[in-house]
Amino acid sequence: MKVVSGSSPLITLAKIGQLDLLPQLYQRIAITPQVYHEVVVDGAGLAGSSEVKTAKWIDIQSARTDDLAVAQQGSGLGIGELSAIQLGQEIQADVVLLDEIKARKVAVGHGLTVLGCVGILEDAFGNGLLTDLRHAYQLLLTLGAYVDPKILENSLKTLNLPPL
């Protein structure tokens, strides 16, 4: 399975102590140098930085497009998100991990399958890798992840779990 990730899912999952779900679900993840820079260099000392820097299951892979800066101006997306979408297209990724709504819409518009932290946590729960989905959602909210609580409540309801 080919999986590309933007910065936000890596950072958010690290914040709640669940970054290790990614290699369990997908074995390997590709990130672009721009995503690496956002998480490891710009985010030095923050959640995800040291984990991503040392992760053996993350491959750093450049998108071939040289026009990232030009494309960024027209899209309104961050360079990390844009590079992840472009890499996802180039390698025909099975899924691109993105949380930001605008980036998700752009990716879907380019024919990519997108999954965010909520979807990742749902998959982990469904595969028995995460036993307490409700607690993971509570951590998302407590630690300041930008997630609409309604999405979390709908997820729990769909899975017949108690509400937050």
N, C-alpha and C. Protein backbone atom coordinates (compact mmCIF):
# COMPACT_ATOMS: atom_id res chain seq x y z
N MET A 1 0.84 -1.18 0.00
CA MET A 1 0.00 0.00 0.00
C MET A 1 0.88 1.24 0.00
N LYS A 2 0.60 2.18 -0.89
CA LYS A 2 1.35 3.43 -0.97
C LYS A 2 0.61 4.50 -0.20
N VAL A 3 1.27 5.05 0.83
CA VAL A 3 0.66 6.06 1.68
C VAL A 3 1.59 7.26 1.78
N VAL A 4 1.02 8.45 1.59
CA VAL A 4 1.75 9.70 1.71
C VAL A 4 1.10 10.49 2.83
N SER A 5 1.90 11.17 3.64
CA SER A 5 1.34 11.96 4.73
C SER A 5 1.79 13.41 4.66
N GLY A 6 0.86 14.28 5.03
CA GLY A 6 1.18 15.67 5.29
C GLY A 6 1.65 15.80 6.74
N SER A 7 1.91 17.01 7.17
CA SER A 7 2.45 17.25 8.51
C SER A 7 1.45 17.03 9.64
N SER A 8 0.25 17.54 9.46
CA SER A 8 -0.72 17.56 10.55
C SER A 8 -1.05 16.18 11.13
N PRO A 9 -1.31 15.17 10.32
CA PRO A 9 -1.59 13.87 10.94
C PRO A 9 -0.42 13.33 11.77
N LEU A 10 0.79 13.57 11.31
CA LEU A 10 1.97 13.12 12.06
C LEU A 10 2.06 13.83 13.41
N ILE A 11 1.88 15.14 13.38
CA ILE A 11 1.97 15.94 14.60
C ILE A 11 0.83 15.60 15.56
N THR A 12 -0.37 15.53 15.03
CA THR A 12 -1.54 15.29 15.88
C THR A 12 -1.49 13.90 16.51
N LEU A 13 -1.15 12.89 15.73
CA LEU A 13 -1.05 11.55 16.29
C LEU A 13 0.07 11.47 17.34
N ALA A 14 1.16 12.18 17.10
CA ALA A 14 2.24 12.20 18.09
C ALA A 14 1.77 12.87 19.38
N LYS A 15 0.98 13.96 19.26
CA LYS A 15 0.47 14.66 20.44
C LYS A 15 -0.32 13.74 21.35
N ILE A 16 -1.08 12.82 20.75
CA ILE A 16 -1.92 11.95 21.57
C ILE A 16 -1.27 10.58 21.81
N GLY A 17 0.01 10.47 21.45
CA GLY A 17 0.74 9.24 21.72
C GLY A 17 0.35 8.07 20.83
N GLN A 18 -0.13 8.36 19.63
CA GLN A 18 -0.61 7.30 18.74
C GLN A 18 0.10 7.27 17.39
N LEU A 19 1.25 7.90 17.27
CA LEU A 19 1.97 7.91 15.99
C LEU A 19 2.35 6.49 15.55
N ASP A 20 2.58 5.61 16.52
CA ASP A 20 2.96 4.24 16.20
C ASP A 20 1.85 3.45 15.50
N LEU A 21 0.65 4.00 15.43
CA LEU A 21 -0.42 3.33 14.69
C LEU A 21 -0.13 3.30 13.19
N LEU A 22 0.56 4.33 12.70
CA LEU A 22 0.80 4.43 11.25
C LEU A 22 1.57 3.24 10.69
N PRO A 23 2.72 2.86 11.26
CA PRO A 23 3.40 1.69 10.69
C PRO A 23 2.62 0.39 10.91
N GLN A 24 1.82 0.35 11.96
CA GLN A 24 1.01 -0.84 12.18
C GLN A 24 -0.09 -0.98 11.13
N LEU A 25 -0.64 0.15 10.70
CA LEU A 25 -1.69 0.14 9.70
C LEU A 25 -1.15 0.06 8.27
N TYR A 26 -0.05 0.78 8.01
CA TYR A 26 0.39 0.96 6.62
C TYR A 26 1.82 0.49 6.34
N GLN A 27 2.52 -0.03 7.30
CA GLN A 27 3.92 -0.44 7.20
C GLN A 27 4.87 0.72 6.94
N ARG A 28 4.72 1.40 5.79
CA ARG A 28 5.62 2.50 5.46
C ARG A 28 4.79 3.71 5.02
N ILE A 29 5.34 4.88 5.30
CA ILE A 29 4.70 6.14 4.93
C ILE A 29 5.75 6.97 4.18
N ALA A 30 5.31 7.60 3.10
CA ALA A 30 6.20 8.53 2.40
C ALA A 30 5.83 9.96 2.81
N ILE A 31 6.85 10.77 3.05
CA ILE A 31 6.63 12.20 3.27
C ILE A 31 7.61 12.95 2.38
N THR A 32 7.27 14.17 2.06
CA THR A 32 8.15 14.98 1.22
C THR A 32 9.18 15.69 2.11
N PRO A 33 10.25 16.20 1.51
CA PRO A 33 11.21 16.99 2.29
C PRO A 33 10.55 18.20 2.95
N GLN A 34 9.54 18.75 2.30
CA GLN A 34 8.85 19.91 2.86
C GLN A 34 8.09 19.52 4.14
N VAL A 35 7.45 18.35 4.13
CA VAL A 35 6.75 17.87 5.32
C VAL A 35 7.77 17.57 6.42
N TYR A 36 8.86 16.92 6.05
CA TYR A 36 9.91 16.63 7.03
C TYR A 36 10.40 17.92 7.68
N HIS A 37 10.63 18.95 6.86
CA HIS A 37 11.12 20.23 7.37
C HIS A 37 10.11 20.85 8.34
N GLU A 38 8.82 20.83 7.97
CA GLU A 38 7.79 21.39 8.84
C GLU A 38 7.75 20.69 10.20
N VAL A 39 7.82 19.36 10.18
CA VAL A 39 7.67 18.60 11.42
C VAL A 39 8.96 18.58 12.24
N VAL A 40 10.08 18.30 11.58
CA VAL A 40 11.35 18.07 12.30
C VAL A 40 12.14 19.35 12.54
N VAL A 41 12.25 20.20 11.53
CA VAL A 41 13.08 21.40 11.65
C VAL A 41 12.28 22.55 12.27
N ASP A 42 11.19 22.95 11.59
CA ASP A 42 10.37 24.04 12.12
C ASP A 42 9.72 23.65 13.45
N GLY A 43 9.42 22.37 13.61
CA GLY A 43 8.75 21.90 14.81
C GLY A 43 9.69 21.32 15.86
N ALA A 44 10.98 21.62 15.76
CA ALA A 44 11.96 21.07 16.71
C ALA A 44 11.50 21.30 18.14
N GLY A 45 11.50 20.21 18.91
CA GLY A 45 11.09 20.28 20.30
C GLY A 45 9.59 20.11 20.51
N LEU A 46 8.83 20.08 19.43
CA LEU A 46 7.38 19.93 19.53
C LEU A 46 6.98 18.48 19.24
N ALA A 47 5.71 18.19 19.46
CA ALA A 47 5.19 16.84 19.23
C ALA A 47 5.48 16.37 17.81
N GLY A 48 6.01 15.18 17.71
CA GLY A 48 6.27 14.55 16.42
C GLY A 48 7.67 14.76 15.88
N SER A 49 8.34 15.80 16.31
CA SER A 49 9.64 16.13 15.74
C SER A 49 10.65 15.00 15.89
N SER A 50 10.92 14.60 17.10
CA SER A 50 11.94 13.56 17.31
C SER A 50 11.46 12.21 16.80
N GLU A 51 10.15 11.95 16.91
CA GLU A 51 9.61 10.67 16.44
C GLU A 51 9.76 10.52 14.93
N VAL A 52 9.42 11.58 14.20
CA VAL A 52 9.53 11.55 12.73
C VAL A 52 11.00 11.49 12.32
N LYS A 53 11.84 12.22 13.01
CA LYS A 53 13.26 12.25 12.67
C LYS A 53 13.89 10.87 12.76
N THR A 54 13.46 10.07 13.72
CA THR A 54 14.09 8.76 13.94
C THR A 54 13.28 7.58 13.40
N ALA A 55 12.10 7.84 12.85
CA ALA A 55 11.24 6.74 12.39
C ALA A 55 11.86 6.00 11.21
N LYS A 56 12.03 4.73 11.36
CA LYS A 56 12.57 3.89 10.28
C LYS A 56 11.51 3.56 9.23
N TRP A 57 10.27 3.78 9.55
CA TRP A 57 9.15 3.44 8.66
C TRP A 57 8.70 4.62 7.80
N ILE A 58 9.39 5.74 7.92
CA ILE A 58 9.08 6.91 7.09
C ILE A 58 10.14 7.06 6.01
N ASP A 59 9.68 7.17 4.78
CA ASP A 59 10.56 7.40 3.63
C ASP A 59 10.39 8.85 3.18
N ILE A 60 11.50 9.55 3.00
CA ILE A 60 11.44 10.92 2.50
C ILE A 60 11.60 10.85 0.99
N GLN A 61 10.60 11.37 0.31
CA GLN A 61 10.56 11.27 -1.15
C GLN A 61 10.10 12.60 -1.73
N SER A 62 10.85 13.11 -2.67
CA SER A 62 10.51 14.40 -3.29
C SER A 62 9.46 14.23 -4.37
N ALA A 63 8.57 15.21 -4.46
CA ALA A 63 7.68 15.30 -5.62
C ALA A 63 8.53 15.82 -6.77
N ARG A 64 8.29 15.34 -7.96
CA ARG A 64 9.10 15.74 -9.12
C ARG A 64 8.82 17.16 -9.58
N THR A 65 7.69 17.69 -9.22
CA THR A 65 7.30 19.01 -9.69
C THR A 65 8.21 20.08 -9.11
N ASP A 66 8.68 20.95 -9.99
CA ASP A 66 9.55 22.05 -9.56
C ASP A 66 8.76 23.32 -9.24
N ASP A 67 7.46 23.29 -9.51
CA ASP A 67 6.66 24.51 -9.40
C ASP A 67 5.88 24.60 -8.10
N LEU A 68 6.39 24.03 -7.01
CA LEU A 68 5.64 24.02 -5.76
C LEU A 68 5.33 25.43 -5.27
N ALA A 69 6.29 26.34 -5.34
CA ALA A 69 6.07 27.70 -4.85
C ALA A 69 5.00 28.41 -5.68
N VAL A 70 5.05 28.22 -6.99
CA VAL A 70 4.05 28.83 -7.88
C VAL A 70 2.67 28.22 -7.60
N ALA A 71 2.62 26.90 -7.51
CA ALA A 71 1.35 26.22 -7.25
C ALA A 71 0.80 26.61 -5.88
N GLN A 72 1.67 26.83 -4.92
CA GLN A 72 1.23 27.20 -3.57
C GLN A 72 0.51 28.54 -3.60
N GLN A 73 1.02 29.49 -4.36
CA GLN A 73 0.41 30.81 -4.41
C GLN A 73 -1.02 30.74 -4.93
N GLY A 74 -1.26 29.88 -5.89
CA GLY A 74 -2.59 29.76 -6.47
C GLY A 74 -3.55 28.92 -5.66
N SER A 75 -3.03 28.09 -4.77
CA SER A 75 -3.89 27.14 -4.07
C SER A 75 -4.30 27.59 -2.67
N GLY A 76 -3.48 28.40 -2.05
CA GLY A 76 -3.74 28.79 -0.67
C GLY A 76 -3.37 27.72 0.34
N LEU A 77 -2.71 26.65 -0.13
CA LEU A 77 -2.29 25.57 0.76
C LEU A 77 -0.87 25.81 1.24
N GLY A 78 -0.51 25.16 2.34
CA GLY A 78 0.86 25.18 2.80
C GLY A 78 1.72 24.34 1.87
N ILE A 79 3.00 24.62 1.85
CA ILE A 79 3.92 23.91 0.96
C ILE A 79 3.99 22.42 1.30
N GLY A 80 3.87 22.07 2.57
CA GLY A 80 3.89 20.67 2.95
C GLY A 80 2.67 19.92 2.43
N GLU A 81 1.50 20.53 2.60
CA GLU A 81 0.27 19.90 2.11
C GLU A 81 0.30 19.75 0.59
N LEU A 82 0.70 20.83 -0.07
CA LEU A 82 0.75 20.81 -1.53
C LEU A 82 1.73 19.76 -2.03
N SER A 83 2.90 19.67 -1.40
CA SER A 83 3.89 18.68 -1.84
C SER A 83 3.39 17.26 -1.58
N ALA A 84 2.67 17.05 -0.49
CA ALA A 84 2.13 15.72 -0.20
C ALA A 84 1.08 15.32 -1.24
N ILE A 85 0.25 16.27 -1.63
CA ILE A 85 -0.76 16.00 -2.65
C ILE A 85 -0.08 15.68 -3.98
N GLN A 86 0.93 16.48 -4.33
CA GLN A 86 1.61 16.24 -5.60
C GLN A 86 2.34 14.89 -5.59
N LEU A 87 2.99 14.55 -4.48
CA LEU A 87 3.65 13.25 -4.40
C LEU A 87 2.62 12.14 -4.47
N GLY A 88 1.50 12.33 -3.80
CA GLY A 88 0.43 11.32 -3.85
C GLY A 88 -0.03 11.06 -5.27
N GLN A 89 -0.16 12.12 -6.05
CA GLN A 89 -0.54 11.96 -7.46
C GLN A 89 0.55 11.23 -8.24
N GLU A 90 1.78 11.67 -8.06
CA GLU A 90 2.89 11.12 -8.84
C GLU A 90 3.10 9.62 -8.59
N ILE A 91 2.96 9.19 -7.35
CA ILE A 91 3.22 7.77 -7.07
C ILE A 91 1.93 6.95 -7.04
N GLN A 92 0.82 7.62 -7.39
CA GLN A 92 -0.49 6.98 -7.37
C GLN A 92 -0.75 6.32 -6.01
N ALA A 93 -0.66 7.15 -4.98
CA ALA A 93 -0.84 6.68 -3.61
C ALA A 93 -2.23 6.10 -3.41
N ASP A 94 -2.31 5.08 -2.60
CA ASP A 94 -3.59 4.50 -2.23
C ASP A 94 -4.36 5.44 -1.31
N VAL A 95 -3.61 6.16 -0.48
CA VAL A 95 -4.22 7.11 0.44
C VAL A 95 -3.22 8.22 0.77
N VAL A 96 -3.75 9.43 0.94
CA VAL A 96 -2.95 10.57 1.38
C VAL A 96 -3.53 11.02 2.72
N LEU A 97 -2.67 11.13 3.71
CA LEU A 97 -3.09 11.51 5.05
C LEU A 97 -3.02 13.03 5.20
N LEU A 98 -4.18 13.66 5.34
CA LEU A 98 -4.29 15.11 5.46
C LEU A 98 -5.43 15.43 6.42
N ASP A 99 -5.25 16.46 7.21
CA ASP A 99 -6.31 16.88 8.13
C ASP A 99 -7.01 18.16 7.71
N GLU A 100 -6.28 19.10 7.13
CA GLU A 100 -6.83 20.41 6.81
C GLU A 100 -7.89 20.29 5.72
N ILE A 101 -9.05 20.87 5.96
CA ILE A 101 -10.20 20.71 5.07
C ILE A 101 -9.89 21.16 3.64
N LYS A 102 -9.27 22.31 3.48
CA LYS A 102 -8.97 22.82 2.15
C LYS A 102 -8.04 21.86 1.39
N ALA A 103 -7.02 21.36 2.08
CA ALA A 103 -6.09 20.41 1.45
C ALA A 103 -6.80 19.12 1.07
N ARG A 104 -7.70 18.66 1.94
CA ARG A 104 -8.46 17.44 1.65
C ARG A 104 -9.30 17.61 0.39
N LYS A 105 -9.94 18.78 0.26
CA LYS A 105 -10.78 19.04 -0.92
C LYS A 105 -9.94 19.06 -2.19
N VAL A 106 -8.77 19.71 -2.12
CA VAL A 106 -7.89 19.75 -3.29
C VAL A 106 -7.45 18.34 -3.67
N ALA A 107 -7.06 17.56 -2.67
CA ALA A 107 -6.60 16.19 -2.93
C ALA A 107 -7.70 15.34 -3.56
N VAL A 108 -8.90 15.42 -3.00
CA VAL A 108 -10.03 14.67 -3.55
C VAL A 108 -10.32 15.14 -4.97
N GLY A 109 -10.21 16.44 -5.20
CA GLY A 109 -10.41 17.00 -6.54
C GLY A 109 -9.40 16.47 -7.55
N HIS A 110 -8.25 16.03 -7.06
CA HIS A 110 -7.23 15.44 -7.92
C HIS A 110 -7.34 13.90 -7.95
N GLY A 111 -8.45 13.39 -7.45
CA GLY A 111 -8.69 11.96 -7.54
C GLY A 111 -8.02 11.11 -6.47
N LEU A 112 -7.54 11.75 -5.41
CA LEU A 112 -6.85 11.01 -4.35
C LEU A 112 -7.82 10.60 -3.25
N THR A 113 -7.54 9.48 -2.64
CA THR A 113 -8.27 9.05 -1.46
C THR A 113 -7.59 9.67 -0.25
N VAL A 114 -8.37 10.31 0.60
CA VAL A 114 -7.82 11.06 1.72
C VAL A 114 -8.34 10.49 3.04
N LEU A 115 -7.47 10.48 4.01
CA LEU A 115 -7.83 10.05 5.35
C LEU A 115 -7.16 11.01 6.33
N GLY A 116 -7.90 11.41 7.35
CA GLY A 116 -7.34 12.28 8.38
C GLY A 116 -7.18 11.51 9.68
N CYS A 117 -6.86 12.22 10.74
CA CYS A 117 -6.62 11.57 12.04
C CYS A 117 -7.82 10.78 12.52
N VAL A 118 -9.01 11.31 12.32
CA VAL A 118 -10.20 10.60 12.78
C VAL A 118 -10.34 9.27 12.03
N GLY A 119 -10.15 9.30 10.72
CA GLY A 119 -10.21 8.07 9.93
C GLY A 119 -9.13 7.08 10.29
N ILE A 120 -7.94 7.59 10.57
CA ILE A 120 -6.83 6.72 10.98
C ILE A 120 -7.16 6.04 12.30
N LEU A 121 -7.67 6.83 13.25
CA LEU A 121 -8.03 6.27 14.55
C LEU A 121 -9.18 5.27 14.42
N GLU A 122 -10.15 5.56 13.56
CA GLU A 122 -11.25 4.61 13.32
C GLU A 122 -10.71 3.30 12.74
N ASP A 123 -9.80 3.41 11.77
CA ASP A 123 -9.20 2.20 11.18
C ASP A 123 -8.44 1.40 12.22
N ALA A 124 -7.69 2.11 13.06
CA ALA A 124 -6.92 1.43 14.11
C ALA A 124 -7.85 0.72 15.08
N PHE A 125 -8.95 1.38 15.43
CA PHE A 125 -9.94 0.77 16.31
C PHE A 125 -10.56 -0.46 15.65
N GLY A 126 -10.93 -0.32 14.39
CA GLY A 126 -11.54 -1.44 13.64
C GLY A 126 -10.61 -2.62 13.49
N ASN A 127 -9.31 -2.36 13.46
CA ASN A 127 -8.31 -3.43 13.32
C ASN A 127 -7.80 -3.94 14.66
N GLY A 128 -8.38 -3.46 15.74
CA GLY A 128 -7.98 -3.91 17.07
C GLY A 128 -6.66 -3.36 17.55
N LEU A 129 -6.16 -2.32 16.91
CA LEU A 129 -4.89 -1.71 17.32
C LEU A 129 -5.09 -0.61 18.37
N LEU A 130 -6.32 -0.15 18.49
CA LEU A 130 -6.67 0.89 19.45
C LEU A 130 -7.92 0.42 20.18
N THR A 131 -7.81 0.25 21.48
CA THR A 131 -8.94 -0.31 22.22
C THR A 131 -9.92 0.75 22.72
N ASP A 132 -9.46 1.98 22.92
CA ASP A 132 -10.34 3.01 23.47
C ASP A 132 -10.38 4.22 22.55
N LEU A 133 -11.22 4.14 21.54
CA LEU A 133 -11.35 5.22 20.56
C LEU A 133 -11.88 6.50 21.22
N ARG A 134 -12.80 6.35 22.11
CA ARG A 134 -13.39 7.49 22.81
C ARG A 134 -12.30 8.29 23.56
N HIS A 135 -11.41 7.59 24.23
CA HIS A 135 -10.32 8.25 24.94
C HIS A 135 -9.38 8.98 23.96
N ALA A 136 -9.10 8.35 22.84
CA ALA A 136 -8.25 9.00 21.82
C ALA A 136 -8.90 10.29 21.33
N TYR A 137 -10.21 10.26 21.13
CA TYR A 137 -10.93 11.46 20.70
C TYR A 137 -10.90 12.54 21.79
N GLN A 138 -11.04 12.11 23.04
CA GLN A 138 -10.97 13.07 24.14
C GLN A 138 -9.60 13.75 24.17
N LEU A 139 -8.56 12.96 23.93
CA LEU A 139 -7.21 13.53 23.88
C LEU A 139 -7.07 14.54 22.75
N LEU A 140 -7.64 14.23 21.60
CA LEU A 140 -7.60 15.17 20.48
C LEU A 140 -8.15 16.53 20.92
N LEU A 141 -9.29 16.51 21.57
CA LEU A 141 -9.92 17.75 22.00
C LEU A 141 -9.13 18.43 23.11
N THR A 142 -8.68 17.66 24.08
CA THR A 142 -7.95 18.20 25.23
C THR A 142 -6.63 18.84 24.80
N LEU A 143 -5.95 18.22 23.83
CA LEU A 143 -4.64 18.70 23.42
C LEU A 143 -4.70 19.70 22.26
N GLY A 144 -5.90 20.16 21.94
CA GLY A 144 -6.04 21.26 21.00
C GLY A 144 -5.98 20.91 19.53
N ALA A 145 -6.30 19.68 19.16
CA ALA A 145 -6.35 19.35 17.73
C ALA A 145 -7.54 20.08 17.11
N TYR A 146 -7.37 20.52 15.88
CA TYR A 146 -8.42 21.22 15.19
C TYR A 146 -9.39 20.22 14.56
N VAL A 147 -10.26 19.68 15.41
CA VAL A 147 -11.24 18.70 14.97
C VAL A 147 -12.61 19.14 15.47
N ASP A 148 -13.57 19.14 14.59
CA ASP A 148 -14.93 19.48 14.98
C ASP A 148 -15.47 18.37 15.88
N PRO A 149 -15.86 18.70 17.10
CA PRO A 149 -16.39 17.67 18.00
C PRO A 149 -17.58 16.90 17.42
N LYS A 150 -18.33 17.53 16.52
CA LYS A 150 -19.47 16.85 15.88
C LYS A 150 -18.99 15.65 15.06
N ILE A 151 -17.83 15.80 14.41
CA ILE A 151 -17.26 14.69 13.63
C ILE A 151 -16.94 13.53 14.56
N LEU A 152 -16.36 13.85 15.70
CA LEU A 152 -16.01 12.81 16.67
C LEU A 152 -17.26 12.14 17.22
N GLU A 153 -18.27 12.93 17.54
CA GLU A 153 -19.53 12.37 18.06
C GLU A 153 -20.20 11.47 17.02
N ASN A 154 -20.21 11.92 15.75
CA ASN A 154 -20.80 11.09 14.69
C ASN A 154 -20.05 9.78 14.52
N SER A 155 -18.73 9.84 14.61
CA SER A 155 -17.91 8.64 14.50
C SER A 155 -18.26 7.65 15.61
N LEU A 156 -18.33 8.15 16.83
CA LEU A 156 -18.66 7.28 17.97
C LEU A 156 -20.06 6.69 17.82
N LYS A 157 -21.00 7.52 17.38
CA LYS A 157 -22.37 7.05 17.19
C LYS A 157 -22.43 5.96 16.12
N THR A 158 -21.74 6.17 15.02
CA THR A 158 -21.71 5.19 13.94
C THR A 158 -21.14 3.85 14.41
N LEU A 159 -20.18 3.91 15.31
CA LEU A 159 -19.54 2.69 15.83
C LEU A 159 -20.23 2.17 17.11
N ASN A 160 -21.39 2.74 17.43
CA ASN A 160 -22.16 2.33 18.61
C ASN A 160 -21.35 2.43 19.90
N LEU A 161 -20.60 3.51 20.02
CA LEU A 161 -19.81 3.77 21.23
C LEU A 161 -20.44 4.93 21.99
N PRO A 162 -20.19 5.01 23.30
CA PRO A 162 -20.76 6.12 24.08
C PRO A 162 -20.23 7.47 23.59
N PRO A 163 -21.06 8.51 23.72
CA PRO A 163 -20.61 9.85 23.29
C PRO A 163 -19.53 10.39 24.21
N LEU A 164 -18.88 11.45 23.72
CA LEU A 164 -17.86 12.12 24.53
C LEU A 164 -18.53 12.74 25.69
